[in-house]
Amino acid sequence: MPANPKYLSSRGQRALKISAGLLGGYLLSTTLHLAAALVPNIGINLMVSGTFSGFLLWVLFMVLAFVARNGWVVWGIYLSLSLIFGLIAYYGGIR
């Protein structure tokens, strides 16, 4: 039995969600790790395990991109959080 079209996203929304999951999720996980590296006690350990946890967060953000109904909202949330974490990393000492 085929899926009911009223429950499916349009092609544009699908493209926005895919790009938000791939590009926005990667950007968000990277800036989150840069901001978290400034915490004194976990900074060094986080950078050592950052590759593994970065991929886990990236997958999580990819999945979360498809939970929302609107791809523009996902892009807005991901870009604003990335900007906040990037500013924390920049003004916190990583330059």
PDB file of N, CA and C in Angstrom:
ATOM      1  N   MET A   1       0.843  -1.165   0.000  1.00  0.00           N
ATOM      2  CA  MET A   1       0.000   0.000   0.000  1.00  0.00           C
ATOM      3  C   MET A   1       0.897   1.239   0.000  1.00  0.00           C
ATOM      4  N   PRO A   2       0.712   2.157  -0.946  1.00  0.00           N
ATOM      5  CA  PRO A   2       1.567   3.347  -1.013  1.00  0.00           C
ATOM      6  C   PRO A   2       1.244   4.338   0.104  1.00  0.00           C
ATOM      7  N   ALA A   3       2.203   5.196   0.361  1.00  0.00           N
ATOM      8  CA  ALA A   3       2.030   6.198   1.411  1.00  0.00           C
ATOM      9  C   ALA A   3       1.025   7.255   0.970  1.00  0.00           C
ATOM     10  N   ASN A   4       0.337   7.800   1.932  1.00  0.00           N
ATOM     11  CA  ASN A   4      -0.628   8.860   1.657  1.00  0.00           C
ATOM     12  C   ASN A   4       0.131  10.158   1.374  1.00  0.00           C
ATOM     13  N   PRO A   5      -0.092  10.798   0.234  1.00  0.00           N
ATOM     14  CA  PRO A   5       0.684  11.993  -0.131  1.00  0.00           C
ATOM     15  C   PRO A   5       0.534  13.160   0.833  1.00  0.00           C
ATOM     16  N   LYS A   6      -0.561  13.215   1.583  1.00  0.00           N
ATOM     17  CA  LYS A   6      -0.723  14.354   2.487  1.00  0.00           C
ATOM     18  C   LYS A   6       0.246  14.288   3.676  1.00  0.00           C
ATOM     19  N   TYR A   7       0.845  13.143   3.924  1.00  0.00           N
ATOM     20  CA  TYR A   7       1.809  13.010   5.007  1.00  0.00           C
ATOM     21  C   TYR A   7       3.255  13.160   4.543  1.00  0.00           C
ATOM     22  N   LEU A   8       3.476  13.298   3.248  1.00  0.00           N
ATOM     23  CA  LEU A   8       4.829  13.397   2.708  1.00  0.00           C
ATOM     24  C   LEU A   8       5.233  14.853   2.535  1.00  0.00           C
ATOM     25  N   SER A   9       6.524  15.129   2.645  1.00  0.00           N
ATOM     26  CA  SER A   9       7.043  16.480   2.438  1.00  0.00           C
ATOM     27  C   SER A   9       7.184  16.756   0.947  1.00  0.00           C
ATOM     28  N   SER A  10       7.166  18.040   0.596  1.00  0.00           N
ATOM     29  CA  SER A  10       7.392  18.406  -0.800  1.00  0.00           C
ATOM     30  C   SER A  10       8.870  18.217  -1.136  1.00  0.00           C
ATOM     31  N   ARG A  11       9.197  18.298  -2.411  1.00  0.00           N
ATOM     32  CA  ARG A  11      10.592  18.100  -2.826  1.00  0.00           C
ATOM     33  C   ARG A  11      11.499  19.183  -2.267  1.00  0.00           C
ATOM     34  N   GLY A  12      11.009  20.409  -2.243  1.00  0.00           N
ATOM     35  CA  GLY A  12      11.814  21.506  -1.709  1.00  0.00           C
ATOM     36  C   GLY A  12      12.112  21.328  -0.227  1.00  0.00           C
ATOM     37  N   GLN A  13      11.091  20.937   0.537  1.00  0.00           N
ATOM     38  CA  GLN A  13      11.300  20.714   1.964  1.00  0.00           C
ATOM     39  C   GLN A  13      12.235  19.534   2.205  1.00  0.00           C
ATOM     40  N   ARG A  14      12.116  18.514   1.384  1.00  0.00           N
ATOM     41  CA  ARG A  14      13.017  17.374   1.499  1.00  0.00           C
ATOM     42  C   ARG A  14      14.461  17.779   1.239  1.00  0.00           C
ATOM     43  N   ALA A  15      14.669  18.602   0.212  1.00  0.00           N
ATOM     44  CA  ALA A  15      16.023  19.077  -0.104  1.00  0.00           C
ATOM     45  C   ALA A  15      16.569  19.951   1.014  1.00  0.00           C
ATOM     46  N   LEU A  16      15.723  20.795   1.592  1.00  0.00           N
ATOM     47  CA  LEU A  16      16.162  21.631   2.712  1.00  0.00           C
ATOM     48  C   LEU A  16      16.541  20.789   3.926  1.00  0.00           C
ATOM     49  N   LYS A  17      15.762  19.768   4.209  1.00  0.00           N
ATOM     50  CA  LYS A  17      16.060  18.910   5.357  1.00  0.00           C
ATOM     51  C   LYS A  17      17.332  18.105   5.136  1.00  0.00           C
ATOM     52  N   ILE A  18      17.538  17.616   3.924  1.00  0.00           N
ATOM     53  CA  ILE A  18      18.754  16.853   3.631  1.00  0.00           C
ATOM     54  C   ILE A  18      19.979  17.745   3.748  1.00  0.00           C
ATOM     55  N   SER A  19      19.908  18.943   3.170  1.00  0.00           N
ATOM     56  CA  SER A  19      21.061  19.847   3.249  1.00  0.00           C
ATOM     57  C   SER A  19      21.283  20.342   4.669  1.00  0.00           C
ATOM     58  N   ALA A  20      20.204  20.569   5.419  1.00  0.00           N
ATOM     59  CA  ALA A  20      20.366  20.975   6.814  1.00  0.00           C
ATOM     60  C   ALA A  20      20.986  19.855   7.633  1.00  0.00           C
ATOM     61  N   GLY A  21      20.583  18.621   7.367  1.00  0.00           N
ATOM     62  CA  GLY A  21      21.156  17.493   8.094  1.00  0.00           C
ATOM     63  C   GLY A  21      22.621  17.292   7.779  1.00  0.00           C
ATOM     64  N   LEU A  22      22.976  17.367   6.506  1.00  0.00           N
ATOM     65  CA  LEU A  22      24.367  17.123   6.115  1.00  0.00           C
ATOM     66  C   LEU A  22      25.277  18.305   6.448  1.00  0.00           C
ATOM     67  N   LEU A  23      24.977  19.454   5.892  1.00  0.00           N
ATOM     68  CA  LEU A  23      25.859  20.613   6.061  1.00  0.00           C
ATOM     69  C   LEU A  23      25.662  21.309   7.406  1.00  0.00           C
ATOM     70  N   GLY A  24      24.402  21.581   7.746  1.00  0.00           N
ATOM     71  CA  GLY A  24      24.126  22.265   9.004  1.00  0.00           C
ATOM     72  C   GLY A  24      24.481  21.426  10.218  1.00  0.00           C
ATOM     73  N   GLY A  25      24.229  20.130  10.135  1.00  0.00           N
ATOM     74  CA  GLY A  25      24.588  19.243  11.245  1.00  0.00           C
ATOM     75  C   GLY A  25      26.081  19.165  11.466  1.00  0.00           C
ATOM     76  N   TYR A  26      26.837  19.134  10.372  1.00  0.00           N
ATOM     77  CA  TYR A  26      28.297  19.111  10.492  1.00  0.00           C
ATOM     78  C   TYR A  26      28.811  20.418  11.073  1.00  0.00           C
ATOM     79  N   LEU A  27      28.280  21.536  10.586  1.00  0.00           N
ATOM     80  CA  LEU A  27      28.688  22.844  11.094  1.00  0.00           C
ATOM     81  C   LEU A  27      28.346  22.986  12.572  1.00  0.00           C
ATOM     82  N   LEU A  28      27.172  22.537  12.957  1.00  0.00           N
ATOM     83  CA  LEU A  28      26.752  22.637  14.349  1.00  0.00           C
ATOM     84  C   LEU A  28      27.595  21.749  15.259  1.00  0.00           C
ATOM     85  N   SER A  29      27.884  20.529  14.847  1.00  0.00           N
ATOM     86  CA  SER A  29      28.697  19.646  15.695  1.00  0.00           C
ATOM     87  C   SER A  29      30.129  20.159  15.818  1.00  0.00           C
ATOM     88  N   THR A  30      30.663  20.755  14.757  1.00  0.00           N
ATOM     89  CA  THR A  30      32.022  21.298  14.812  1.00  0.00           C
ATOM     90  C   THR A  30      32.101  22.503  15.735  1.00  0.00           C
ATOM     91  N   THR A  31      31.166  23.441  15.588  1.00  0.00           N
ATOM     92  CA  THR A  31      31.209  24.628  16.443  1.00  0.00           C
ATOM     93  C   THR A  31      30.879  24.291  17.891  1.00  0.00           C
ATOM     94  N   LEU A  32      30.051  23.285  18.112  1.00  0.00           N
ATOM     95  CA  LEU A  32      29.773  22.846  19.479  1.00  0.00           C
ATOM     96  C   LEU A  32      31.036  22.304  20.133  1.00  0.00           C
ATOM     97  N   HIS A  33      31.831  21.545  19.394  1.00  0.00           N
ATOM     98  CA  HIS A  33      33.076  21.023  19.943  1.00  0.00           C
ATOM     99  C   HIS A  33      34.096  22.133  20.176  1.00  0.00           C
ATOM    100  N   LEU A  34      34.133  23.111  19.298  1.00  0.00           N
ATOM    101  CA  LEU A  34      35.052  24.233  19.507  1.00  0.00           C
ATOM    102  C   LEU A  34      34.686  25.021  20.756  1.00  0.00           C
ATOM    103  N   ALA A  35      33.403  25.237  20.977  1.00  0.00           N
ATOM    104  CA  ALA A  35      32.972  25.957  22.171  1.00  0.00           C
ATOM    105  C   ALA A  35      33.185  25.123  23.430  1.00  0.00           C
ATOM    106  N   ALA A  36      32.956  23.822  23.346  1.00  0.00           N
ATOM    107  CA  ALA A  36      33.134  22.958  24.517  1.00  0.00           C
ATOM    108  C   ALA A  36      34.603  22.767  24.865  1.00  0.00           C
ATOM    109  N   ALA A  37      35.492  23.001  23.920  1.00  0.00           N
ATOM    110  CA  ALA A  37      36.922  22.855  24.194  1.00  0.00           C
ATOM    111  C   ALA A  37      37.429  23.933  25.138  1.00  0.00           C
ATOM    112  N   LEU A  38      36.657  24.978  25.350  1.00  0.00           N
ATOM    113  CA  LEU A  38      37.072  26.052  26.246  1.00  0.00           C
ATOM    114  C   LEU A  38      36.834  25.730  27.711  1.00  0.00           C
ATOM    115  N   VAL A  39      36.032  24.713  27.992  1.00  0.00           N
ATOM    116  CA  VAL A  39      35.797  24.317  29.380  1.00  0.00           C
ATOM    117  C   VAL A  39      37.093  23.736  29.924  1.00  0.00           C
ATOM    118  N   PRO A  40      37.594  24.272  31.051  1.00  0.00           N
ATOM    119  CA  PRO A  40      38.953  23.916  31.498  1.00  0.00           C
ATOM    120  C   PRO A  40      39.213  22.429  31.724  1.00  0.00           C
ATOM    121  N   ASN A  41      38.324  21.723  32.369  1.00  0.00           N
ATOM    122  CA  ASN A  41      38.630  20.342  32.745  1.00  0.00           C
ATOM    123  C   ASN A  41      38.383  19.327  31.634  1.00  0.00           C
ATOM    124  N   ILE A  42      37.544  19.660  30.679  1.00  0.00           N
ATOM    125  CA  ILE A  42      37.245  18.675  29.642  1.00  0.00           C
ATOM    126  C   ILE A  42      37.804  19.051  28.283  1.00  0.00           C
ATOM    127  N   GLY A  43      38.457  20.180  28.168  1.00  0.00           N
ATOM    128  CA  GLY A  43      38.924  20.660  26.876  1.00  0.00           C
ATOM    129  C   GLY A  43      39.864  19.705  26.174  1.00  0.00           C
ATOM    130  N   ILE A  44      40.912  19.250  26.868  1.00  0.00           N
ATOM    131  CA  ILE A  44      41.904  18.359  26.247  1.00  0.00           C
ATOM    132  C   ILE A  44      41.294  17.000  25.937  1.00  0.00           C
ATOM    133  N   ASN A  45      40.548  16.450  26.866  1.00  0.00           N
ATOM    134  CA  ASN A  45      39.933  15.142  26.629  1.00  0.00           C
ATOM    135  C   ASN A  45      38.901  15.206  25.512  1.00  0.00           C
ATOM    136  N   LEU A  46      38.224  16.324  25.407  1.00  0.00           N
ATOM    137  CA  LEU A  46      37.242  16.468  24.345  1.00  0.00           C
ATOM    138  C   LEU A  46      37.914  16.511  22.988  1.00  0.00           C
ATOM    139  N   MET A  47      39.036  17.154  22.883  1.00  0.00           N
ATOM    140  CA  MET A  47      39.716  17.227  21.599  1.00  0.00           C
ATOM    141  C   MET A  47      40.282  15.869  21.187  1.00  0.00           C
ATOM    142  N   VAL A  48      40.642  15.051  22.149  1.00  0.00           N
ATOM    143  CA  VAL A  48      41.144  13.714  21.830  1.00  0.00           C
ATOM    144  C   VAL A  48      40.006  12.836  21.301  1.00  0.00           C
ATOM    145  N   SER A  49      38.860  12.895  21.953  1.00  0.00           N
ATOM    146  CA  SER A  49      37.728  12.071  21.528  1.00  0.00           C
ATOM    147  C   SER A  49      36.767  12.836  20.625  1.00  0.00           C
ATOM    148  N   GLY A  50      37.177  13.996  20.155  1.00  0.00           N
ATOM    149  CA  GLY A  50      36.299  14.848  19.362  1.00  0.00           C
ATOM    150  C   GLY A  50      35.880  14.256  18.040  1.00  0.00           C
ATOM    151  N   THR A  51      36.723  13.465  17.441  1.00  0.00           N
ATOM    152  CA  THR A  51      36.376  12.873  16.151  1.00  0.00           C
ATOM    153  C   THR A  51      35.201  11.912  16.298  1.00  0.00           C
ATOM    154  N   PHE A  52      35.280  11.054  17.287  1.00  0.00           N
ATOM    155  CA  PHE A  52      34.215  10.072  17.484  1.00  0.00           C
ATOM    156  C   PHE A  52      32.918  10.745  17.918  1.00  0.00           C
ATOM    157  N   SER A  53      33.000  11.623  18.910  1.00  0.00           N
ATOM    158  CA  SER A  53      31.781  12.288  19.370  1.00  0.00           C
ATOM    159  C   SER A  53      31.245  13.256  18.323  1.00  0.00           C
ATOM    160  N   GLY A  54      32.119  13.806  17.496  1.00  0.00           N
ATOM    161  CA  GLY A  54      31.659  14.679  16.419  1.00  0.00           C
ATOM    162  C   GLY A  54      30.796  13.940  15.418  1.00  0.00           C
ATOM    163  N   PHE A  55      31.191  12.731  15.059  1.00  0.00           N
ATOM    164  CA  PHE A  55      30.380  11.940  14.137  1.00  0.00           C
ATOM    165  C   PHE A  55      29.061  11.515  14.780  1.00  0.00           C
ATOM    166  N   LEU A  56      29.082  11.205  16.072  1.00  0.00           N
ATOM    167  CA  LEU A  56      27.835  10.846  16.744  1.00  0.00           C
ATOM    168  C   LEU A  56      26.867  12.023  16.778  1.00  0.00           C
ATOM    169  N   LEU A  57      27.383  13.210  17.092  1.00  0.00           N
ATOM    170  CA  LEU A  57      26.527  14.394  17.096  1.00  0.00           C
ATOM    171  C   LEU A  57      26.026  14.725  15.696  1.00  0.00           C
ATOM    172  N   TRP A  58      26.876  14.534  14.706  1.00  0.00           N
ATOM    173  CA  TRP A  58      26.480  14.812  13.327  1.00  0.00           C
ATOM    174  C   TRP A  58      25.306  13.917  12.920  1.00  0.00           C
ATOM    175  N   VAL A  59      25.378  12.649  13.274  1.00  0.00           N
ATOM    176  CA  VAL A  59      24.277  11.724  12.971  1.00  0.00           C
ATOM    177  C   VAL A  59      23.017  12.138  13.728  1.00  0.00           C
ATOM    178  N   LEU A  60      23.172  12.546  14.984  1.00  0.00           N
ATOM    179  CA  LEU A  60      22.024  12.995  15.768  1.00  0.00           C
ATOM    180  C   LEU A  60      21.373  14.217  15.124  1.00  0.00           C
ATOM    181  N   PHE A  61      22.183  15.176  14.691  1.00  0.00           N
ATOM    182  CA  PHE A  61      21.630  16.373  14.059  1.00  0.00           C
ATOM    183  C   PHE A  61      21.020  16.063  12.694  1.00  0.00           C
ATOM    184  N   MET A  62      21.538  15.046  12.005  1.00  0.00           N
ATOM    185  CA  MET A  62      20.927  14.626  10.742  1.00  0.00           C
ATOM    186  C   MET A  62      19.534  14.059  10.985  1.00  0.00           C
ATOM    187  N   VAL A  63      19.406  13.246  12.014  1.00  0.00           N
ATOM    188  CA  VAL A  63      18.106  12.653  12.322  1.00  0.00           C
ATOM    189  C   VAL A  63      17.130  13.730  12.786  1.00  0.00           C
ATOM    190  N   LEU A  64      17.609  14.655  13.623  1.00  0.00           N
ATOM    191  CA  LEU A  64      16.735  15.710  14.127  1.00  0.00           C
ATOM    192  C   LEU A  64      16.250  16.644  13.021  1.00  0.00           C
ATOM    193  N   ALA A  65      17.000  16.760  11.949  1.00  0.00           N
ATOM    194  CA  ALA A  65      16.575  17.618  10.839  1.00  0.00           C
ATOM    195  C   ALA A  65      15.300  17.095  10.192  1.00  0.00           C
ATOM    196  N   PHE A  66      15.065  15.804  10.244  1.00  0.00           N
ATOM    197  CA  PHE A  66      13.882  15.235   9.616  1.00  0.00           C
ATOM    198  C   PHE A  66      12.683  15.169  10.552  1.00  0.00           C
ATOM    199  N   VAL A  67      12.879  15.521  11.811  1.00  0.00           N
ATOM    200  CA  VAL A  67      11.761  15.520  12.747  1.00  0.00           C
ATOM    201  C   VAL A  67      10.863  16.737  12.514  1.00  0.00           C
ATOM    202  N   ALA A  68      11.473  17.866  12.180  1.00  0.00           N
ATOM    203  CA  ALA A  68      10.710  19.102  11.990  1.00  0.00           C
ATOM    204  C   ALA A  68       9.884  19.038  10.708  1.00  0.00           C
ATOM    205  N   ARG A  69       8.839  19.841  10.659  1.00  0.00           N
ATOM    206  CA  ARG A  69       7.994  19.884   9.482  1.00  0.00           C
ATOM    207  C   ARG A  69       8.549  20.807   8.407  1.00  0.00           C
ATOM    208  N   ASN A  70       9.285  21.842   8.810  1.00  0.00           N
ATOM    209  CA  ASN A  70       9.756  22.848   7.872  1.00  0.00           C
ATOM    210  C   ASN A  70      11.283  22.862   7.850  1.00  0.00           C
ATOM    211  N   GLY A  71      11.851  22.738   6.666  1.00  0.00           N
ATOM    212  CA  GLY A  71      13.304  22.737   6.528  1.00  0.00           C
ATOM    213  C   GLY A  71      13.938  24.079   6.820  1.00  0.00           C
ATOM    214  N   TRP A  72      13.192  25.168   6.547  1.00  0.00           N
ATOM    215  CA  TRP A  72      13.730  26.501   6.848  1.00  0.00           C
ATOM    216  C   TRP A  72      13.912  26.699   8.347  1.00  0.00           C
ATOM    217  N   VAL A  73      13.018  26.148   9.140  1.00  0.00           N
ATOM    218  CA  VAL A  73      13.140  26.252  10.597  1.00  0.00           C
ATOM    219  C   VAL A  73      14.381  25.507  11.072  1.00  0.00           C
ATOM    220  N   VAL A  74      14.618  24.346  10.507  1.00  0.00           N
ATOM    221  CA  VAL A  74      15.809  23.566  10.871  1.00  0.00           C
ATOM    222  C   VAL A  74      17.074  24.345  10.526  1.00  0.00           C
ATOM    223  N   TRP A  75      17.125  24.913   9.314  1.00  0.00           N
ATOM    224  CA  TRP A  75      18.286  25.717   8.923  1.00  0.00           C
ATOM    225  C   TRP A  75      18.460  26.908   9.856  1.00  0.00           C
ATOM    226  N   GLY A  76      17.366  27.563  10.223  1.00  0.00           N
ATOM    227  CA  GLY A  76      17.452  28.709  11.127  1.00  0.00           C
ATOM    228  C   GLY A  76      17.995  28.333  12.491  1.00  0.00           C
ATOM    229  N   ILE A  77      17.522  27.228  13.029  1.00  0.00           N
ATOM    230  CA  ILE A  77      17.994  26.772  14.340  1.00  0.00           C
ATOM    231  C   ILE A  77      19.459  26.369  14.268  1.00  0.00           C
ATOM    232  N   TYR A  78      19.831  25.595  13.252  1.00  0.00           N
ATOM    233  CA  TYR A  78      21.210  25.128  13.133  1.00  0.00           C
ATOM    234  C   TYR A  78      22.181  26.284  12.917  1.00  0.00           C
ATOM    235  N   LEU A  79      21.812  27.241  12.062  1.00  0.00           N
ATOM    236  CA  LEU A  79      22.713  28.370  11.810  1.00  0.00           C
ATOM    237  C   LEU A  79      22.822  29.295  13.012  1.00  0.00           C
ATOM    238  N   SER A  80      21.718  29.526  13.720  1.00  0.00           N
ATOM    239  CA  SER A  80      21.797  30.397  14.892  1.00  0.00           C
ATOM    240  C   SER A  80      22.605  29.748  16.011  1.00  0.00           C
ATOM    241  N   LEU A  81      22.421  28.456  16.238  1.00  0.00           N
ATOM    242  CA  LEU A  81      23.224  27.772  17.257  1.00  0.00           C
ATOM    243  C   LEU A  81      24.695  27.711  16.855  1.00  0.00           C
ATOM    244  N   SER A  82      24.963  27.505  15.575  1.00  0.00           N
ATOM    245  CA  SER A  82      26.351  27.499  15.105  1.00  0.00           C
ATOM    246  C   SER A  82      26.992  28.860  15.282  1.00  0.00           C
ATOM    247  N   LEU A  83      26.237  29.915  15.023  1.00  0.00           N
ATOM    248  CA  LEU A  83      26.754  31.266  15.221  1.00  0.00           C
ATOM    249  C   LEU A  83      27.050  31.530  16.690  1.00  0.00           C
ATOM    250  N   ILE A  84      26.161  31.111  17.563  1.00  0.00           N
ATOM    251  CA  ILE A  84      26.379  31.302  18.999  1.00  0.00           C
ATOM    252  C   ILE A  84      27.613  30.536  19.464  1.00  0.00           C
ATOM    253  N   PHE A  85      27.721  29.260  19.098  1.00  0.00           N
ATOM    254  CA  PHE A  85      28.877  28.467  19.510  1.00  0.00           C
ATOM    255  C   PHE A  85      30.166  28.973  18.874  1.00  0.00           C
ATOM    256  N   GLY A  86      30.087  29.432  17.642  1.00  0.00           N
ATOM    257  CA  GLY A  86      31.265  29.996  16.985  1.00  0.00           C
ATOM    258  C   GLY A  86      31.740  31.270  17.657  1.00  0.00           C
ATOM    259  N   LEU A  87      30.799  32.124  18.065  1.00  0.00           N
ATOM    260  CA  LEU A  87      31.182  33.349  18.776  1.00  0.00           C
ATOM    261  C   LEU A  87      31.763  33.039  20.148  1.00  0.00           C
ATOM    262  N   ILE A  88      31.220  32.041  20.812  1.00  0.00           N
ATOM    263  CA  ILE A  88      31.785  31.622  22.104  1.00  0.00           C
ATOM    264  C   ILE A  88      33.206  31.127  21.911  1.00  0.00           C
ATOM    265  N   ALA A  89      33.428  30.330  20.886  1.00  0.00           N
ATOM    266  CA  ALA A  89      34.776  29.811  20.629  1.00  0.00           C
ATOM    267  C   ALA A  89      35.724  30.929  20.230  1.00  0.00           C
ATOM    268  N   TYR A  90      35.245  31.884  19.436  1.00  0.00           N
ATOM    269  CA  TYR A  90      36.118  32.960  18.961  1.00  0.00           C
ATOM    270  C   TYR A  90      36.485  33.914  20.090  1.00  0.00           C
ATOM    271  N   TYR A  91      35.492  34.368  20.831  1.00  0.00           N
ATOM    272  CA  TYR A  91      35.767  35.325  21.894  1.00  0.00           C
ATOM    273  C   TYR A  91      36.249  34.658  23.173  1.00  0.00           C
ATOM    274  N   GLY A  92      36.140  33.342  23.244  1.00  0.00           N
ATOM    275  CA  GLY A  92      36.598  32.633  24.426  1.00  0.00           C
ATOM    276  C   GLY A  92      38.068  32.278  24.396  1.00  0.00           C
ATOM    277  N   GLY A  93      38.722  32.431  23.271  1.00  0.00           N
ATOM    278  CA  GLY A  93      40.148  32.182  23.247  1.00  0.00           C
ATOM    279  C   GLY A  93      40.665  31.398  22.070  1.00  0.00           C
ATOM    280  N   ILE A  94      39.815  30.730  21.305  1.00  0.00           N
ATOM    281  CA  ILE A  94      40.288  29.997  20.138  1.00  0.00           C
ATOM    282  C   ILE A  94      40.237  30.945  18.951  1.00  0.00           C
ATOM    283  N   ARG A  95      41.413  31.365  18.466  1.00  0.00           N
ATOM    284  CA  ARG A  95      41.466  32.320  17.346  1.00  0.00           C
ATOM    285  C   ARG A  95      42.407  31.837  16.289  1.00  0.00           C
TER     286      ARG A  95
END
